[in-house]
N, C-alpha and C. Protein backbone atom coordinates (compact mmCIF):
# COMPACT_ATOMS: atom_id res chain seq x y z
N MET A 1 6.96 -31.35 43.41
CA MET A 1 6.66 -32.40 44.35
C MET A 1 7.86 -32.87 44.48
N ARG A 2 8.69 -34.09 43.94
CA ARG A 2 9.50 -34.65 44.05
C ARG A 2 10.83 -34.25 44.60
N ARG A 3 10.69 -33.00 44.74
CA ARG A 3 12.14 -31.89 45.59
C ARG A 3 12.06 -32.07 47.16
N LEU A 4 10.75 -32.38 47.43
CA LEU A 4 11.14 -32.51 48.55
C LEU A 4 11.35 -33.73 49.42
N PRO A 5 11.19 -34.98 48.71
CA PRO A 5 12.17 -35.99 49.27
C PRO A 5 13.10 -36.58 49.88
N ILE A 6 13.43 -35.82 48.16
CA ILE A 6 15.54 -35.41 48.11
C ILE A 6 16.12 -34.58 49.65
N LEU A 7 15.48 -33.53 48.98
CA LEU A 7 15.88 -32.63 50.33
C LEU A 7 15.48 -33.60 51.46
N VAL A 8 14.68 -34.07 51.96
CA VAL A 8 14.95 -34.76 53.44
C VAL A 8 16.21 -35.23 53.08
N VAL A 9 15.67 -36.60 52.54
CA VAL A 9 17.11 -37.32 52.58
C VAL A 9 18.13 -36.45 52.31
N LEU A 10 19.17 -35.59 51.53
CA LEU A 10 20.03 -34.54 51.53
C LEU A 10 20.31 -33.95 52.59
N ALA A 11 19.61 -33.61 53.77
CA ALA A 11 19.55 -33.25 55.03
C ALA A 11 20.02 -34.42 56.37
N SER A 12 19.26 -35.43 56.12
CA SER A 12 19.42 -36.85 57.07
C SER A 12 20.88 -37.24 56.92
N LEU A 13 21.66 -37.33 56.06
CA LEU A 13 23.08 -37.26 55.29
C LEU A 13 23.32 -37.04 55.77
N THR A 14 23.25 -35.33 55.82
CA THR A 14 24.70 -34.30 56.73
C THR A 14 24.52 -33.97 58.12
N ILE A 15 23.36 -34.61 58.35
CA ILE A 15 22.96 -34.75 60.63
C ILE A 15 23.84 -36.16 60.79
N VAL A 16 24.90 -36.80 60.74
CA VAL A 16 25.21 -38.32 61.34
C VAL A 16 25.24 -37.93 62.58
N PRO A 17 25.60 -38.97 63.60
CA PRO A 17 25.72 -38.45 64.99
C PRO A 17 27.25 -38.56 64.81
N GLY A 18 28.22 -38.59 65.28
CA GLY A 18 29.73 -39.52 65.59
C GLY A 18 30.40 -39.36 64.26
N ALA A 19 30.08 -38.67 63.39
CA ALA A 19 30.12 -38.29 61.52
C ALA A 19 31.54 -37.57 62.23
N SER A 20 32.96 -37.68 61.81
CA SER A 20 33.89 -36.46 61.96
C SER A 20 34.60 -36.09 60.82
N ALA A 21 35.20 -35.05 60.10
CA ALA A 21 35.59 -34.73 59.23
C ALA A 21 37.38 -35.55 59.69
N LYS A 22 37.65 -35.62 58.12
CA LYS A 22 39.31 -36.85 58.33
C LYS A 22 39.75 -35.80 58.94
N GLN A 23 40.81 -36.71 60.52
CA GLN A 23 41.80 -35.47 60.91
C GLN A 23 42.51 -35.12 60.65
N SER A 24 43.14 -33.79 60.56
CA SER A 24 44.32 -32.97 60.01
C SER A 24 45.87 -33.40 61.48
N PHE A 25 46.32 -34.01 60.50
CA PHE A 25 47.45 -34.16 61.17
C PHE A 25 49.18 -32.70 60.53
N LEU A 26 48.48 -31.30 60.77
CA LEU A 26 48.94 -30.20 60.50
C LEU A 26 49.27 -29.89 61.48
N ILE A 27 50.88 -29.11 61.86
CA ILE A 27 50.94 -28.59 62.88
C ILE A 27 51.40 -26.40 62.81
N VAL A 28 50.62 -25.67 63.03
CA VAL A 28 50.32 -24.40 62.37
C VAL A 28 51.40 -23.75 63.28
N ARG A 29 52.89 -23.22 62.91
CA ARG A 29 53.22 -22.76 63.66
C ARG A 29 53.47 -23.37 64.96
N ASP A 30 53.12 -22.00 66.20
CA ASP A 30 52.87 -22.58 67.45
C ASP A 30 51.65 -22.74 67.63
N VAL A 31 50.86 -22.12 66.93
CA VAL A 31 49.49 -22.14 66.49
C VAL A 31 47.97 -22.87 67.03
N SER A 32 48.43 -23.91 66.52
CA SER A 32 47.17 -24.85 66.16
C SER A 32 48.37 -26.34 66.27
N VAL A 33 47.15 -27.79 66.60
CA VAL A 33 47.97 -28.49 66.58
C VAL A 33 46.80 -29.53 65.92
N GLY A 34 46.66 -29.89 65.07
CA GLY A 34 45.61 -31.14 64.45
C GLY A 34 44.04 -29.98 64.07
N GLY A 35 43.83 -28.84 64.09
CA GLY A 35 43.05 -28.48 64.67
C GLY A 35 42.49 -27.81 65.33
N PHE A 36 43.35 -28.30 66.98
CA PHE A 36 43.14 -27.94 68.07
C PHE A 36 43.90 -26.49 68.00
N PRO A 37 43.86 -25.62 68.51
CA PRO A 37 43.77 -24.09 68.99
C PRO A 37 44.43 -24.42 70.34
N ARG A 38 46.09 -23.59 70.69
CA ARG A 38 46.84 -23.87 71.60
C ARG A 38 46.25 -23.21 72.97
N ASP A 39 45.32 -22.47 73.06
CA ASP A 39 44.77 -21.84 73.98
C ASP A 39 43.16 -22.28 74.21
N ALA A 40 42.85 -23.86 74.00
CA ALA A 40 41.69 -24.31 74.55
C ALA A 40 41.31 -25.28 75.50
N THR A 41 40.47 -26.06 75.45
CA THR A 41 40.11 -26.46 76.61
C THR A 41 39.79 -27.76 76.64
N VAL A 42 40.25 -29.25 77.18
CA VAL A 42 39.69 -29.98 77.12
C VAL A 42 39.13 -30.22 76.65
N GLY A 43 37.91 -30.02 76.58
CA GLY A 43 36.23 -29.53 75.89
C GLY A 43 36.71 -29.54 74.15
N GLN A 44 37.21 -28.74 74.64
CA GLN A 44 37.79 -28.37 72.46
C GLN A 44 38.44 -29.99 72.15
N ALA A 45 39.39 -29.97 72.72
CA ALA A 45 40.36 -31.38 72.43
C ALA A 45 39.48 -32.41 72.07
N VAL A 46 39.06 -32.89 72.86
CA VAL A 46 37.25 -34.02 72.56
C VAL A 46 36.90 -33.60 70.89
N ALA A 47 36.61 -32.69 71.10
CA ALA A 47 35.37 -31.59 69.47
C ALA A 47 36.53 -32.76 68.59
N VAL A 48 37.97 -32.20 68.91
CA VAL A 48 38.71 -32.38 68.05
C VAL A 48 39.54 -33.51 67.49
N PHE A 49 39.59 -34.76 68.78
CA PHE A 49 40.24 -35.85 68.57
C PHE A 49 39.58 -36.85 68.83
N GLY A 50 38.28 -36.92 69.53
CA GLY A 50 37.20 -37.43 69.48
C GLY A 50 37.98 -37.66 71.22
N GLU A 51 37.32 -39.11 72.14
CA GLU A 51 37.99 -39.36 73.48
C GLU A 51 39.18 -39.86 73.27
N PRO A 52 39.50 -39.26 74.96
CA PRO A 52 41.51 -39.76 74.62
C PRO A 52 41.36 -41.43 75.11
N ASN A 53 42.18 -42.31 74.93
CA ASN A 53 42.43 -43.10 75.35
C ASN A 53 42.72 -43.63 76.58
N ALA A 54 43.24 -42.77 76.40
CA ALA A 54 44.45 -43.19 78.17
C ALA A 54 44.76 -42.27 78.90
N GLY A 55 44.95 -42.03 80.48
CA GLY A 55 45.13 -40.66 81.63
C GLY A 55 43.45 -40.75 81.44
N ALA A 56 43.24 -39.20 82.07
CA ALA A 56 42.12 -38.52 82.04
C ALA A 56 42.21 -38.77 83.79
N LYS A 57 43.31 -38.56 84.75
CA LYS A 57 43.64 -39.24 85.66
C LYS A 57 44.28 -38.17 86.20
N PRO A 58 43.38 -37.13 87.32
CA PRO A 58 44.17 -36.02 87.59
C PRO A 58 44.86 -36.58 88.50
N VAL A 59 46.39 -35.06 88.48
CA VAL A 59 46.91 -35.42 89.31
C VAL A 59 47.11 -33.85 90.23
N TYR A 60 46.70 -33.73 91.14
CA TYR A 60 46.24 -32.74 92.23
C TYR A 60 46.15 -31.37 90.39
N ASP A 61 46.67 -30.08 89.89
CA ASP A 61 45.88 -29.44 89.37
C ASP A 61 46.44 -29.61 87.88
N ARG A 62 47.07 -30.78 87.58
CA ARG A 62 47.53 -31.05 86.45
C ARG A 62 46.94 -32.68 85.56
N CYS A 63 46.52 -33.28 84.29
CA CYS A 63 46.46 -33.79 83.69
C CYS A 63 47.19 -34.51 82.08
N THR A 64 47.22 -35.57 82.42
CA THR A 64 47.54 -36.06 80.66
C THR A 64 46.61 -37.24 80.39
N LEU A 65 46.08 -36.44 78.86
CA LEU A 65 45.80 -37.41 78.08
C LEU A 65 46.24 -37.58 76.72
N ARG A 66 46.04 -38.61 76.86
CA ARG A 66 46.71 -39.59 75.33
C ARG A 66 45.64 -39.98 74.69
N TRP A 67 45.80 -39.68 73.60
CA TRP A 67 45.41 -40.28 71.69
C TRP A 67 46.54 -40.93 71.67
N HIS A 68 46.03 -42.58 71.45
CA HIS A 68 47.15 -43.37 70.65
C HIS A 68 47.60 -43.31 69.15
N HIS A 69 46.18 -43.84 69.18
CA HIS A 69 45.98 -43.77 67.48
C HIS A 69 45.96 -42.86 66.55
N LEU A 70 46.57 -41.48 67.49
CA LEU A 70 46.78 -40.48 67.15
C LEU A 70 48.24 -40.10 67.30
N GLY A 71 49.36 -40.57 68.41
CA GLY A 71 50.35 -40.23 68.77
C GLY A 71 50.15 -39.55 69.59
N LEU A 72 49.38 -39.15 70.03
CA LEU A 72 49.58 -38.25 70.14
C LEU A 72 49.00 -37.60 72.43
N THR A 73 49.95 -36.62 72.90
CA THR A 73 49.56 -36.57 74.50
C THR A 73 49.38 -35.40 74.80
N MET A 74 49.02 -35.08 75.40
CA MET A 74 48.24 -33.46 75.90
C MET A 74 48.01 -33.68 77.44
N ASN A 75 49.14 -32.31 77.80
CA ASN A 75 48.73 -32.18 79.34
C ASN A 75 47.93 -30.81 79.70
N THR A 76 47.50 -31.01 80.66
CA THR A 76 46.70 -29.20 80.76
C THR A 76 46.17 -29.39 82.41
N TYR A 77 46.15 -28.57 82.81
CA TYR A 77 45.21 -27.71 84.17
C TYR A 77 44.38 -27.11 84.21
N TYR A 78 44.21 -27.14 85.71
CA TYR A 78 42.56 -26.48 85.73
C TYR A 78 42.82 -24.94 86.35
N SER A 79 42.17 -24.25 86.08
CA SER A 79 42.11 -22.57 86.20
C SER A 79 40.50 -22.48 86.35
N GLN A 80 40.56 -21.24 86.81
CA GLN A 80 39.06 -20.38 86.78
C GLN A 80 38.04 -21.04 87.25
N GLY A 81 38.30 -22.02 88.43
CA GLY A 81 36.65 -22.24 89.52
C GLY A 81 37.18 -23.78 88.31
N ALA A 82 37.82 -24.27 87.52
CA ALA A 82 37.46 -25.73 86.37
C ALA A 82 37.94 -26.70 87.56
N LEU A 83 38.16 -27.62 88.65
CA LEU A 83 38.21 -28.06 89.87
C LEU A 83 38.66 -29.61 89.00
N ASN A 84 38.19 -30.01 88.24
CA ASN A 84 39.05 -30.83 86.97
C ASN A 84 39.81 -30.69 86.08
N PRO A 85 41.05 -30.95 85.83
CA PRO A 85 42.06 -30.43 84.99
C PRO A 85 41.74 -31.19 83.89
N CYS A 86 41.01 -32.35 83.64
CA CYS A 86 40.99 -33.46 82.81
C CYS A 86 39.41 -33.25 81.66
N GLY A 87 38.53 -32.27 83.01
CA GLY A 87 37.37 -32.62 82.44
C GLY A 87 37.15 -31.48 81.55
N ASP A 88 35.99 -30.71 81.08
CA ASP A 88 35.96 -30.40 79.52
C ASP A 88 36.57 -29.12 79.78
N SER A 89 36.67 -28.15 81.08
CA SER A 89 37.10 -26.81 81.08
C SER A 89 39.09 -26.99 81.75
N GLY A 90 39.45 -28.03 81.66
CA GLY A 90 41.10 -28.13 81.68
C GLY A 90 41.26 -26.95 80.43
N ARG A 91 42.53 -26.61 81.02
CA ARG A 91 43.59 -25.46 79.34
C ARG A 91 44.48 -26.39 79.15
N HIS A 92 44.90 -25.91 78.38
CA HIS A 92 45.95 -26.37 77.48
C HIS A 92 47.50 -26.68 78.06
N VAL A 93 48.77 -27.52 78.56
CA VAL A 93 49.30 -26.50 78.85
C VAL A 93 49.93 -26.84 77.68
N SER A 94 50.32 -28.34 76.81
CA SER A 94 51.77 -28.81 76.47
C SER A 94 50.89 -29.88 75.12
N THR A 95 51.02 -30.06 74.03
CA THR A 95 50.80 -31.14 73.09
C THR A 95 52.12 -31.82 72.04
N THR A 96 52.15 -32.94 72.91
CA THR A 96 53.36 -34.02 72.03
C THR A 96 52.38 -35.10 71.12
N VAL A 97 53.10 -34.83 69.88
CA VAL A 97 53.19 -35.51 68.90
C VAL A 97 54.25 -36.42 68.51
N THR A 98 54.10 -37.90 68.18
CA THR A 98 55.27 -38.61 68.20
C THR A 98 55.07 -40.16 66.45
N ASP A 99 53.48 -39.23 65.90
CA ASP A 99 53.72 -40.26 64.96
C ASP A 99 53.86 -39.63 64.06
N GLY A 100 54.01 -40.72 63.17
CA GLY A 100 54.77 -39.86 61.45
C GLY A 100 54.12 -39.37 61.00
N ARG A 101 52.65 -39.17 61.02
CA ARG A 101 51.61 -38.35 60.23
C ARG A 101 51.72 -37.19 59.96
N TRP A 102 52.43 -36.84 61.90
CA TRP A 102 52.07 -35.35 61.50
C TRP A 102 53.84 -34.74 61.23
N ARG A 103 53.12 -33.39 61.02
CA ARG A 103 54.18 -32.45 60.12
C ARG A 103 53.43 -30.46 60.62
N THR A 104 54.60 -30.43 60.34
CA THR A 104 54.52 -28.69 60.85
C THR A 104 54.13 -28.06 59.51
N SER A 105 53.96 -26.78 59.25
CA SER A 105 53.22 -25.93 58.14
C SER A 105 54.75 -25.71 57.51
N VAL A 106 55.57 -26.06 57.53
CA VAL A 106 57.16 -25.43 56.65
C VAL A 106 57.51 -27.02 56.54
N GLY A 107 56.89 -28.13 56.86
CA GLY A 107 57.66 -29.30 56.48
C GLY A 107 57.91 -30.28 57.21
N LEU A 108 58.16 -29.57 58.26
CA LEU A 108 59.35 -30.81 58.96
C LEU A 108 58.23 -32.22 59.18
N ARG A 109 58.87 -33.42 59.51
CA ARG A 109 57.60 -34.47 60.58
C ARG A 109 58.72 -35.16 61.27
N ILE A 110 58.17 -36.20 61.94
CA ILE A 110 58.75 -37.38 62.70
C ILE A 110 59.49 -37.69 61.65
N GLY A 111 60.64 -37.72 62.16
CA GLY A 111 61.65 -39.12 61.26
C GLY A 111 62.23 -38.37 60.78
N ASP A 112 62.03 -36.79 60.65
CA ASP A 112 63.14 -36.16 59.86
C ASP A 112 64.43 -36.13 59.97
N PRO A 113 65.85 -35.52 59.30
CA PRO A 113 66.73 -35.73 60.55
C PRO A 113 67.02 -34.06 60.45
N ALA A 114 67.89 -34.12 61.31
CA ALA A 114 68.37 -32.98 62.08
C ALA A 114 68.66 -32.06 61.48
N ALA A 115 69.18 -31.49 60.35
CA ALA A 115 69.47 -30.81 58.71
C ALA A 115 68.64 -30.24 57.91
N LYS A 116 67.19 -31.29 58.31
CA LYS A 116 65.81 -30.80 57.75
C LYS A 116 65.08 -29.66 58.84
N LEU A 117 65.77 -30.41 59.94
CA LEU A 117 65.09 -29.58 60.90
C LEU A 117 66.69 -27.82 60.98
N ARG A 118 67.60 -28.17 61.17
CA ARG A 118 67.72 -26.41 60.49
C ARG A 118 67.42 -26.08 59.05
N ARG A 119 67.47 -26.62 58.41
CA ARG A 119 67.12 -26.13 57.28
C ARG A 119 66.19 -25.01 57.37
N LEU A 120 64.71 -25.90 57.84
CA LEU A 120 63.26 -25.26 57.78
C LEU A 120 63.36 -24.37 58.95
N TYR A 121 63.89 -24.63 60.08
CA TYR A 121 64.82 -23.69 61.60
C TYR A 121 65.10 -23.01 61.55
N PRO A 122 66.18 -22.21 60.38
CA PRO A 122 67.46 -21.78 60.99
C PRO A 122 67.39 -20.72 62.19
N LYS A 123 66.53 -20.38 62.84
CA LYS A 123 66.83 -19.63 63.93
C LYS A 123 66.23 -20.18 65.37
N ALA A 124 66.58 -22.00 65.35
CA ALA A 124 65.85 -23.06 65.96
C ALA A 124 67.33 -22.98 67.09
N ASN A 125 66.52 -23.11 67.93
CA ASN A 125 67.96 -22.89 69.56
C ASN A 125 68.17 -24.47 69.87
N TYR A 126 69.18 -24.95 70.19
CA TYR A 126 69.70 -26.40 70.48
C TYR A 126 69.63 -26.44 72.30
N ARG A 127 68.73 -26.89 72.87
CA ARG A 127 68.50 -26.30 74.71
C ARG A 127 69.38 -27.64 74.95
N GLY A 128 70.40 -28.71 74.98
CA GLY A 128 70.62 -30.04 75.01
C GLY A 128 69.54 -30.95 75.54
N ARG A 129 69.91 -31.81 75.64
CA ARG A 129 69.37 -33.21 75.73
C ARG A 129 68.33 -33.36 74.84
N SER A 130 68.66 -33.11 73.80
CA SER A 130 68.08 -34.22 72.29
C SER A 130 66.74 -32.88 72.12
N ASP A 131 66.69 -31.55 72.73
CA ASP A 131 65.89 -30.63 72.32
C ASP A 131 66.07 -29.36 71.99
N TRP A 132 65.14 -29.09 70.69
CA TRP A 132 65.52 -27.71 69.89
C TRP A 132 64.31 -26.70 70.11
N TRP A 133 64.23 -25.67 70.52
CA TRP A 133 63.11 -25.12 70.44
C TRP A 133 63.00 -24.36 69.21
N LEU A 134 62.10 -24.92 68.46
CA LEU A 134 61.85 -24.14 66.63
C LEU A 134 60.84 -22.80 66.99
N ILE A 135 60.18 -22.50 67.29
CA ILE A 135 59.87 -21.09 67.62
C ILE A 135 59.55 -20.64 68.87
N LEU A 136 60.01 -19.38 69.16
CA LEU A 136 59.85 -18.53 70.47
C LEU A 136 58.46 -18.01 71.04
N ARG A 137 58.39 -18.12 72.38
CA ARG A 137 57.19 -17.48 72.82
C ARG A 137 57.56 -16.14 73.90
N PRO A 138 57.61 -15.00 73.90
CA PRO A 138 57.93 -13.79 74.97
C PRO A 138 56.78 -13.88 75.98
N PHE A 139 57.38 -14.19 77.10
CA PHE A 139 57.10 -14.52 78.46
C PHE A 139 57.62 -13.84 79.79
N ALA A 140 56.96 -12.62 81.03
CA ALA A 140 57.88 -12.33 81.39
C ALA A 140 58.92 -12.03 81.22
N GLY A 141 59.54 -10.99 79.83
CA GLY A 141 60.56 -10.75 79.46
C GLY A 141 61.65 -11.93 79.50
N VAL A 142 61.21 -13.65 79.27
CA VAL A 142 61.45 -14.62 79.22
C VAL A 142 61.10 -15.05 77.82
N ASP A 143 62.08 -15.64 77.09
CA ASP A 143 61.77 -16.41 75.49
C ASP A 143 61.38 -17.83 76.07
N LEU A 144 60.32 -18.80 75.63
CA LEU A 144 60.07 -19.53 75.59
C LEU A 144 59.49 -20.56 75.03
N PRO A 145 59.60 -21.91 74.93
CA PRO A 145 59.13 -22.69 73.72
C PRO A 145 58.32 -22.03 72.90
N GLY A 146 57.51 -22.24 72.18
CA GLY A 146 55.96 -21.96 71.56
C GLY A 146 55.59 -23.19 71.12
N LEU A 147 57.14 -23.82 69.77
CA LEU A 147 56.93 -25.55 69.38
C LEU A 147 58.22 -25.35 69.70
N SER A 148 58.19 -26.55 69.76
CA SER A 148 59.79 -27.33 70.13
C SER A 148 60.27 -29.37 69.35
N ALA A 149 60.70 -29.08 68.97
CA ALA A 149 61.16 -30.53 68.73
C ALA A 149 62.13 -30.96 70.04
N LYS A 150 62.34 -32.20 69.68
CA LYS A 150 63.08 -33.91 70.37
C LYS A 150 63.57 -34.27 69.26
N LEU A 151 65.08 -34.92 69.40
CA LEU A 151 65.86 -35.74 68.52
C LEU A 151 66.33 -36.91 68.94
N ARG A 152 66.60 -38.53 68.25
CA ARG A 152 67.30 -39.23 69.20
C ARG A 152 67.93 -40.11 68.00
N SER A 153 68.77 -39.84 68.12
CA SER A 153 70.25 -40.17 66.85
C SER A 153 70.49 -39.93 66.01
N GLY A 154 69.79 -37.95 65.52
CA GLY A 154 69.65 -37.43 64.85
C GLY A 154 68.78 -37.44 63.27
N ARG A 155 67.51 -37.78 64.39
CA ARG A 155 65.87 -37.87 63.56
C ARG A 155 64.80 -37.12 64.91
N VAL A 156 64.34 -36.09 64.30
CA VAL A 156 63.22 -35.59 65.03
C VAL A 156 61.86 -36.97 65.34
N ILE A 157 62.13 -37.47 66.69
CA ILE A 157 60.92 -38.34 67.60
C ILE A 157 60.04 -37.38 68.04
N SER A 158 59.99 -35.97 68.53
CA SER A 158 58.91 -35.87 68.54
C SER A 158 58.19 -34.14 68.26
N LEU A 159 57.23 -33.48 68.18
CA LEU A 159 57.08 -32.40 68.01
C LEU A 159 56.23 -31.68 69.17
N THR A 160 56.15 -30.95 70.60
CA THR A 160 55.27 -30.25 71.50
C THR A 160 55.70 -28.81 70.81
N VAL A 161 53.60 -28.28 70.99
CA VAL A 161 53.26 -27.39 71.03
C VAL A 161 52.66 -26.74 72.16
N TYR A 162 53.01 -26.13 73.06
CA TYR A 162 52.85 -24.72 74.53
C TYR A 162 51.63 -24.34 73.83
N GLY A 163 51.30 -24.40 75.51
CA GLY A 163 50.07 -23.96 75.47
C GLY A 163 50.18 -21.73 76.10
N PRO A 164 49.56 -21.28 76.20
CA PRO A 164 50.23 -19.64 76.73
C PRO A 164 50.62 -19.98 77.84
N ARG A 165 51.12 -19.32 78.17
CA ARG A 165 51.68 -19.67 79.70
C ARG A 165 50.47 -18.85 80.71
N VAL A 166 51.04 -19.16 81.69
CA VAL A 166 50.07 -18.36 83.10
C VAL A 166 50.61 -17.70 84.40
N ALA A 167 51.34 -18.96 85.00
CA ALA A 167 52.49 -18.01 85.61
C ALA A 167 53.95 -18.84 85.76
N PHE A 168 54.96 -19.13 86.91
CA PHE A 168 56.16 -19.49 87.14
C PHE A 168 55.52 -21.15 87.26
């Protein structure tokens, strides 16, 4: 009989509204950012990162969402009947991170020098204006970035993961 009260207490501890696991700051190739898949929606972003602090004002078919406490900015669009690009059905275009807690799965971090970028991503392409394309994805016969880095004064200042391409 003593087991029943213990089981009830344990069950109530596992169902805590608003509780979330520790936030991941890992970028896995060009596949996910902090556990958010590149082909996901705004609703899925909210499930992973919580409610955004700023943005959420649609401009035509685009929206920019920001999570300042994570150093994360996400651009979205609407498609397939979702009329609000900031709503749950809005589709991921790109996510840029700028906080020093973020790192890629091969170890590149915000703040790292250009030499480390070139060592970890030997096939990276310099695209001018401080942009480096680290991982490429083909789209309609053209290579486009899946993961890119921006440098300033020889150091990584941001990393961007791009969502699936749907049109030019």
